[in-house]
Amino acid sequence: MLRQPCFSWFCPNYGPGSNGLRSDLSLNDIIDSAIIAENMGFDAILTPADSNSYDPWMLSMQIISKTQKIRPIIALRPGFIAPVYTARMIATLQQLSGGRADFNIVTGGSTLELAKEGCRLSHEERYRRTYEYMEVISNLLKETKPYSFNGQFYNITNATLFPKIPDLIHPKFYIAGASADAVKVAKSFGDFYLMWAQPIESTKQQLLQFEQHDKVLDYSLRVNIIVRKNKQEAIEAANATIQDRSNSRRLIELVNIHSDSVGQKKMMALALEGGVHDTCLWSNISVGKTGSVPFLVGSTEEVRNSLKRYLELGFSNFILASTDTGSEIGYISEEIVSYFHNCL
């Protein structure tokens, strides 16, 4: 029997970017979207950390203060805040919120984006830094005595953590990445291995890296959704979002030039390939405001069945988004979230 999944929403926290797309949402609008997501049955909301987004820590604190139970998943970039201080921020936030925050560790793959913040490390160096960063944070969050660490990027002597946080309100860590370096970090420190939607067979191959792994690790999937009562209505809604294919192709070219992310390049190759995979997985509208994430486009039954196939592979958590927070979240909540909450 399939276990009941958790559903998260991708926070529409974006401003003007190099892709020419922007959000017209104010901070109050974004908070309202979190309230809507909570009322629609979503368990969590992912707040991204791109340079064209509002700060996810500040935004998440506001979300926590304005909602009752939805959990922000805060995108956290290693290296830009020292790990000892990051651990203190996490512990303080968990105390203030009653343990309502989790964290998405974003090592980063865009060389342009990283350069904006002064990071010019290679792909391998960034993941070595992330590994050390997570080792320090993980030990501090559970250590009760002074902690020391001597690595390539961090050298710490007798660090302590205040406030302490009990296991009951310990945060979960989502770690993404398709490279061997990313998988190593996920195996060591992740509670969730976060993947972007791919065809089922490709997904199976990627998960083989975790076979016979002794750490309990759940899988989380980022996928966008356009769902309607019948397939034709869903296709028409999807086609209405594809206004400028030449612009999308140019964005794909830019990602391939300025990114050393293995996962991003996989997504771009899938987008260039186009077409429909596994009944209703569309990759040709995956470049846009919600990231390079493919869409499930189809009837209620098709989208439900597609998600069930990922559940069968071991995914227990889905981070969803669509072309619009307003109307689309209603369709998704009614046809997808409510169904899985009530029928599994």
Protein backbone atom coordinates (compact mmCIF):
# COMPACT_ATOMS: atom_id res chain seq x y z
CA MET A 1 0.00 0.00 0.00
CA LEU A 2 1.29 3.47 -0.90
CA ARG A 3 2.01 5.78 2.01
CA GLN A 4 0.36 9.18 2.15
CA PRO A 5 2.68 11.87 0.75
CA CYS A 6 3.31 15.38 2.01
CA PHE A 7 2.74 18.27 -0.38
CA SER A 8 4.68 21.52 -0.44
CA TRP A 9 4.17 24.64 -2.56
CA PHE A 10 6.88 26.62 -4.33
CA CYS A 11 6.70 30.16 -2.96
CA PRO A 12 6.24 32.77 -5.74
CA ASN A 13 9.21 34.69 -4.33
CA TYR A 14 10.87 36.13 -7.42
CA GLY A 15 11.57 39.54 -8.89
CA PRO A 16 13.11 40.78 -12.13
CA GLY A 17 15.65 38.35 -13.51
CA SER A 18 17.91 37.87 -16.50
CA ASN A 19 15.15 35.87 -18.18
CA GLY A 20 13.01 38.97 -18.46
CA LEU A 21 10.29 37.48 -16.30
CA ARG A 22 9.23 39.15 -13.11
CA SER A 23 6.64 38.85 -10.42
CA ASP A 24 4.15 41.59 -9.80
CA LEU A 25 3.60 40.23 -6.30
CA SER A 26 4.33 42.41 -3.31
CA LEU A 27 5.59 40.92 -0.07
CA ASN A 28 2.03 41.01 1.25
CA ASP A 29 0.86 39.12 -1.85
CA ILE A 30 3.50 36.47 -1.23
CA ILE A 31 2.44 36.09 2.40
CA ASP A 32 -1.15 35.78 1.19
CA SER A 33 -0.06 32.98 -1.16
CA ALA A 34 1.39 31.10 1.82
CA ILE A 35 -1.89 31.51 3.68
CA ILE A 36 -3.77 30.20 0.62
CA ALA A 37 -1.41 27.22 0.39
CA GLU A 38 -2.00 26.40 4.05
CA ASN A 39 -5.77 26.68 3.66
CA MET A 40 -5.58 24.47 0.56
CA GLY A 41 -3.98 21.64 2.50
CA PHE A 42 -0.28 22.08 1.73
CA ASP A 43 2.12 21.00 4.46
CA ALA A 44 5.08 23.22 3.57
CA ILE A 45 6.25 26.05 1.32
CA LEU A 46 9.70 26.32 -0.29
CA THR A 47 11.22 29.82 -0.18
CA PRO A 48 14.00 30.11 -2.80
CA ALA A 49 17.29 31.98 -2.45
CA ASP A 50 18.09 33.27 -5.95
CA SER A 51 19.50 36.78 -6.24
CA ASN A 52 16.20 37.92 -7.78
CA SER A 53 14.21 36.71 -4.76
CA TYR A 54 13.41 38.22 -1.40
CA ASP A 55 15.58 36.91 1.44
CA PRO A 56 14.13 33.50 2.36
CA TRP A 57 14.94 33.77 6.10
CA MET A 58 13.12 37.06 6.56
CA LEU A 59 10.24 35.97 4.36
CA SER A 60 9.89 32.65 6.17
CA MET A 61 9.71 34.36 9.54
CA GLN A 62 6.81 36.45 8.25
CA ILE A 63 5.12 33.35 6.85
CA ILE A 64 5.44 31.63 10.23
CA SER A 65 3.99 34.65 12.02
CA LYS A 66 1.00 34.91 9.66
CA THR A 67 0.09 31.21 9.43
CA GLN A 68 -0.75 28.41 11.84
CA LYS A 69 1.10 25.28 10.72
CA ILE A 70 2.59 25.43 7.21
CA ARG A 71 6.35 24.78 7.34
CA PRO A 72 8.73 27.01 5.36
CA ILE A 73 11.52 25.11 3.63
CA ILE A 74 14.24 27.77 3.63
CA ALA A 75 16.75 27.66 0.79
CA LEU A 76 20.17 27.90 2.40
CA ARG A 77 23.34 28.63 0.46
CA PRO A 78 26.47 27.22 2.11
CA GLY A 79 29.46 29.49 2.40
CA PHE A 80 27.76 32.86 2.63
CA ILE A 81 26.93 32.67 6.33
CA ALA A 82 29.51 30.97 8.57
CA PRO A 83 28.32 27.49 9.66
CA VAL A 84 28.55 28.15 13.40
CA TYR A 85 26.41 31.25 13.06
CA THR A 86 24.05 29.42 10.68
CA ALA A 87 23.54 26.74 13.34
CA ARG A 88 22.69 29.46 15.86
CA MET A 89 20.19 31.02 13.42
CA ILE A 90 18.58 27.62 12.83
CA ALA A 91 18.38 26.84 16.55
CA THR A 92 16.92 30.26 17.35
CA LEU A 93 14.34 30.02 14.56
CA GLN A 94 13.29 26.54 15.68
CA GLN A 95 12.83 27.77 19.25
CA LEU A 96 10.82 30.82 18.15
CA SER A 97 8.64 28.88 15.72
CA GLY A 98 8.16 25.67 17.67
CA GLY A 99 10.19 23.75 15.11
CA ARG A 100 8.33 24.87 12.01
CA ALA A 101 11.25 25.34 9.60
CA ASP A 102 13.18 22.94 7.38
CA PHE A 103 16.07 23.73 5.03
CA ASN A 104 16.94 23.18 1.38
CA ILE A 105 20.73 23.14 0.96
CA VAL A 106 21.57 24.91 -2.33
CA THR A 107 25.23 24.54 -3.31
CA GLY A 108 24.56 26.42 -6.56
CA GLY A 109 25.37 25.74 -10.20
CA SER A 110 25.15 29.04 -12.08
CA THR A 111 28.57 30.64 -12.33
CA LEU A 112 26.92 34.01 -13.02
CA GLU A 113 24.72 33.73 -9.95
CA LEU A 114 27.59 32.59 -7.74
CA ALA A 115 29.88 35.37 -8.96
CA LYS A 116 27.33 37.95 -7.83
CA GLU A 117 28.01 36.81 -4.27
CA GLY A 118 31.76 36.46 -4.63
CA CYS A 119 32.00 32.68 -5.03
CA ARG A 120 34.43 31.51 -7.72
CA LEU A 121 35.06 27.98 -6.50
CA SER A 122 34.88 25.06 -8.90
CA HIS A 123 31.98 22.60 -8.80
CA GLU A 124 34.05 20.07 -6.85
CA GLU A 125 35.34 22.70 -4.42
CA ARG A 126 31.84 24.01 -3.74
CA TYR A 127 30.60 20.56 -2.80
CA ARG A 128 33.63 19.94 -0.58
CA ARG A 129 32.76 23.19 1.15
CA THR A 130 29.09 22.14 1.44
CA TYR A 131 30.17 18.82 2.97
CA GLU A 132 32.26 20.60 5.62
CA TYR A 133 29.51 23.17 6.17
CA MET A 134 26.92 20.47 6.83
CA GLU A 135 29.31 18.49 9.00
CA VAL A 136 29.79 21.51 11.27
CA ILE A 137 26.09 22.36 11.42
CA SER A 138 24.96 18.76 11.98
CA ASN A 139 27.42 18.25 14.82
CA LEU A 140 26.58 21.56 16.49
CA LEU A 141 22.84 20.88 16.36
CA LYS A 142 23.25 17.59 18.22
CA GLU A 143 26.43 18.22 20.26
CA THR A 144 26.19 19.06 23.96
CA LYS A 145 29.83 19.92 24.55
CA PRO A 146 32.30 22.27 22.77
CA TYR A 147 32.93 21.19 19.18
CA SER A 148 36.09 21.61 17.11
CA PHE A 149 36.64 21.02 13.40
CA ASN A 150 39.66 21.36 11.15
CA GLY A 151 38.99 21.24 7.40
CA GLN A 152 39.93 22.85 4.11
CA PHE A 153 37.31 25.59 4.37
CA TYR A 154 36.49 25.81 8.07
CA ASN A 155 38.64 25.69 11.18
CA ILE A 156 36.65 25.87 14.40
CA THR A 157 37.82 25.55 17.98
CA ASN A 158 35.50 24.79 20.89
CA ALA A 159 32.34 26.10 19.23
CA THR A 160 29.14 25.91 21.27
CA LEU A 161 25.50 26.30 20.33
CA PHE A 162 22.88 28.37 22.07
CA PRO A 163 19.99 27.82 22.22
CA LYS A 164 19.92 24.04 22.26
CA ILE A 165 17.09 22.41 20.36
CA PRO A 166 15.47 19.11 21.35
CA ASP A 167 15.13 16.30 18.80
CA LEU A 168 11.40 16.96 18.61
CA ILE A 169 11.95 20.27 16.78
CA HIS A 170 15.06 19.34 14.81
CA PRO A 171 14.84 20.62 11.23
CA LYS A 172 14.87 18.38 8.17
CA PHE A 173 17.45 18.98 5.45
CA TYR A 174 16.60 18.69 1.74
CA ILE A 175 19.68 18.18 -0.42
CA ALA A 176 19.53 18.29 -4.21
CA GLY A 177 22.01 17.59 -6.96
CA ALA A 178 22.61 14.97 -9.64
CA SER A 179 26.41 14.80 -9.41
CA ALA A 180 28.35 12.24 -7.39
CA ASP A 181 29.50 15.08 -5.11
CA ALA A 182 25.91 16.07 -4.37
CA VAL A 183 24.86 12.49 -3.72
CA LYS A 184 27.71 12.14 -1.21
CA VAL A 185 26.40 15.16 0.74
CA ALA A 186 22.83 13.84 0.60
CA LYS A 187 23.86 10.41 1.86
CA SER A 188 25.77 11.90 4.77
CA PHE A 189 23.51 14.74 5.91
CA GLY A 190 20.19 14.68 4.06
CA ASP A 191 16.76 13.79 5.40
CA PHE A 192 15.37 14.20 1.88
CA TYR A 193 17.12 13.76 -1.45
CA LEU A 194 15.45 16.37 -3.65
CA MET A 195 15.08 15.68 -7.37
CA TRP A 196 13.52 17.55 -10.27
CA ALA A 197 10.92 15.54 -12.19
CA GLN A 198 12.32 13.29 -14.92
CA PRO A 199 10.85 10.38 -16.88
CA ILE A 200 10.31 7.36 -14.64
CA GLU A 201 13.16 5.28 -16.07
CA SER A 202 15.65 8.16 -15.68
CA THR A 203 14.45 8.65 -12.12
CA LYS A 204 14.98 4.96 -11.34
CA GLN A 205 18.56 5.19 -12.62
CA GLN A 206 19.30 8.23 -10.48
CA LEU A 207 17.94 6.55 -7.35
CA LEU A 208 20.16 3.52 -7.87
CA GLN A 209 22.93 5.59 -6.26
CA PHE A 210 21.13 5.15 -2.92
CA GLU A 211 20.65 1.39 -3.05
CA GLN A 212 22.05 -0.42 0.00
CA HIS A 213 22.60 2.92 1.71
CA ASP A 214 22.28 2.47 5.47
CA LYS A 215 21.05 5.99 6.29
CA VAL A 216 17.29 6.48 6.28
CA LEU A 217 16.72 8.93 3.43
CA ASP A 218 13.39 9.96 1.96
CA TYR A 219 12.93 11.24 -1.57
CA SER A 220 11.33 14.56 -2.51
CA LEU A 221 10.26 15.58 -6.03
CA ARG A 222 9.92 19.05 -7.49
CA VAL A 223 7.33 19.00 -10.25
CA ASN A 224 4.99 21.57 -11.74
CA ILE A 225 1.37 20.71 -12.47
CA ILE A 226 -1.42 21.79 -14.78
CA VAL A 227 -4.45 19.61 -14.10
CA ARG A 228 -8.01 19.79 -15.43
CA LYS A 229 -11.06 17.52 -15.50
CA ASN A 230 -10.03 16.28 -18.96
CA LYS A 231 -6.80 16.11 -20.93
CA GLN A 232 -7.79 18.57 -23.67
CA GLU A 233 -8.55 21.33 -21.18
CA ALA A 234 -5.18 20.76 -19.51
CA ILE A 235 -3.34 20.89 -22.85
CA GLU A 236 -5.10 24.13 -23.78
CA ALA A 237 -4.14 25.65 -20.42
CA ALA A 238 -0.53 24.54 -20.91
CA ASN A 239 -0.32 25.84 -24.47
CA ALA A 240 -1.58 29.22 -23.30
CA THR A 241 1.58 29.55 -21.20
CA ILE A 242 3.96 28.95 -24.14
CA GLN A 243 4.22 32.40 -25.67
CA ASP A 244 7.81 32.65 -26.84
CA ARG A 245 9.64 29.41 -27.57
CA SER A 246 12.65 31.28 -29.00
CA ASN A 247 13.09 33.03 -25.65
CA SER A 248 12.95 29.69 -23.85
CA ARG A 249 15.59 28.26 -26.18
CA ARG A 250 17.84 31.25 -25.50
CA LEU A 251 17.44 30.70 -21.76
CA ILE A 252 18.42 27.05 -22.19
CA GLU A 253 21.54 28.11 -24.09
CA LEU A 254 22.48 30.55 -21.31
CA VAL A 255 22.06 27.89 -18.64
CA ASN A 256 24.27 25.49 -20.57
CA ILE A 257 26.96 28.16 -20.98
CA HIS A 258 26.92 29.56 -17.45
CA SER A 259 26.12 26.50 -15.32
CA ASP A 260 28.27 23.59 -14.22
CA SER A 261 25.32 21.93 -12.49
CA VAL A 262 24.85 18.32 -13.61
CA GLY A 263 21.17 18.44 -12.67
CA GLN A 264 20.49 21.70 -14.51
CA LYS A 265 22.12 20.38 -17.66
CA LYS A 266 19.92 17.28 -17.45
CA MET A 267 16.85 19.49 -17.20
CA MET A 268 17.98 21.62 -20.14
CA ALA A 269 18.62 18.54 -22.28
CA LEU A 270 15.14 17.31 -21.42
CA ALA A 271 13.67 20.71 -22.31
CA LEU A 272 15.47 20.75 -25.68
CA GLU A 273 14.26 17.22 -26.36
CA GLY A 274 10.69 18.36 -25.77
CA GLY A 275 7.77 16.04 -26.23
CA VAL A 276 5.66 14.19 -23.68
CA HIS A 277 7.11 11.47 -21.46
CA ASP A 278 5.30 8.85 -19.39
CA THR A 279 1.84 9.92 -20.56
CA CYS A 280 1.84 13.50 -19.26
CA LEU A 281 5.32 14.77 -18.29
CA TRP A 282 6.00 17.86 -20.41
CA SER A 283 9.52 19.27 -20.57
CA ASN A 284 9.08 21.98 -23.19
CA ILE A 285 7.49 24.50 -20.78
CA SER A 286 9.95 23.87 -17.96
CA VAL A 287 11.95 27.10 -18.25
CA GLY A 288 10.42 29.99 -16.36
CA LYS A 289 9.59 31.59 -13.05
CA THR A 290 9.38 28.36 -11.07
CA GLY A 291 12.77 27.09 -12.17
CA SER A 292 13.78 24.49 -14.75
CA VAL A 293 11.14 22.04 -13.61
CA PRO A 294 9.01 19.92 -15.99
CA PHE A 295 5.21 19.90 -15.83
CA LEU A 296 2.68 17.14 -15.40
CA VAL A 297 -0.08 18.21 -17.79
CA GLY A 298 -3.22 16.16 -18.00
CA SER A 299 -6.55 15.04 -16.69
CA THR A 300 -7.13 14.44 -13.01
CA GLU A 301 -6.68 10.69 -13.46
CA GLU A 302 -3.48 11.04 -15.53
CA VAL A 303 -1.76 13.37 -13.07
CA ARG A 304 -2.78 11.27 -10.07
CA ASN A 305 -1.47 8.12 -11.74
CA SER A 306 1.80 9.84 -12.62
CA LEU A 307 2.35 10.89 -9.02
CA LYS A 308 1.51 7.36 -7.86
CA ARG A 309 4.33 6.02 -10.05
CA TYR A 310 6.78 8.32 -8.23
CA LEU A 311 5.30 7.20 -4.91
CA GLU A 312 6.01 3.60 -5.91
CA LEU A 313 9.67 4.56 -6.40
CA GLY A 314 9.85 5.80 -2.80
CA PHE A 315 9.02 9.50 -3.03
CA SER A 316 7.18 10.70 0.05
CA ASN A 317 7.21 14.44 -0.57
CA PHE A 318 6.20 16.56 -3.57
CA ILE A 319 7.06 20.24 -4.02
CA LEU A 320 4.54 21.59 -6.50
CA ALA A 321 4.13 24.79 -8.48
CA SER A 322 2.25 25.92 -11.56
CA THR A 323 1.88 28.83 -13.92
CA ASP A 324 -0.10 30.87 -11.42
CA THR A 325 -0.51 30.71 -7.66
CA GLY A 326 -4.07 32.06 -7.73
CA SER A 327 -6.28 29.86 -9.91
CA GLU A 328 -3.97 26.89 -10.43
CA ILE A 329 -3.45 26.17 -6.74
CA GLY A 330 -7.20 25.68 -6.45
CA TYR A 331 -7.24 23.02 -9.19
CA ILE A 332 -4.20 21.29 -7.73
CA SER A 333 -5.55 21.31 -4.19
CA GLU A 334 -8.97 20.00 -5.18
CA GLU A 335 -7.87 17.37 -7.70
CA ILE A 336 -4.52 16.25 -6.28
CA VAL A 337 -3.74 17.22 -2.67
CA SER A 338 -7.20 16.45 -1.26
CA TYR A 339 -7.33 13.15 -3.11
CA PHE A 340 -4.03 11.87 -1.72
CA HIS A 341 -4.78 13.14 1.78
CA ASN A 342 -8.17 11.48 1.84
CA CYS A 343 -7.69 8.31 -0.22
CA LEU A 344 -4.31 6.90 0.83
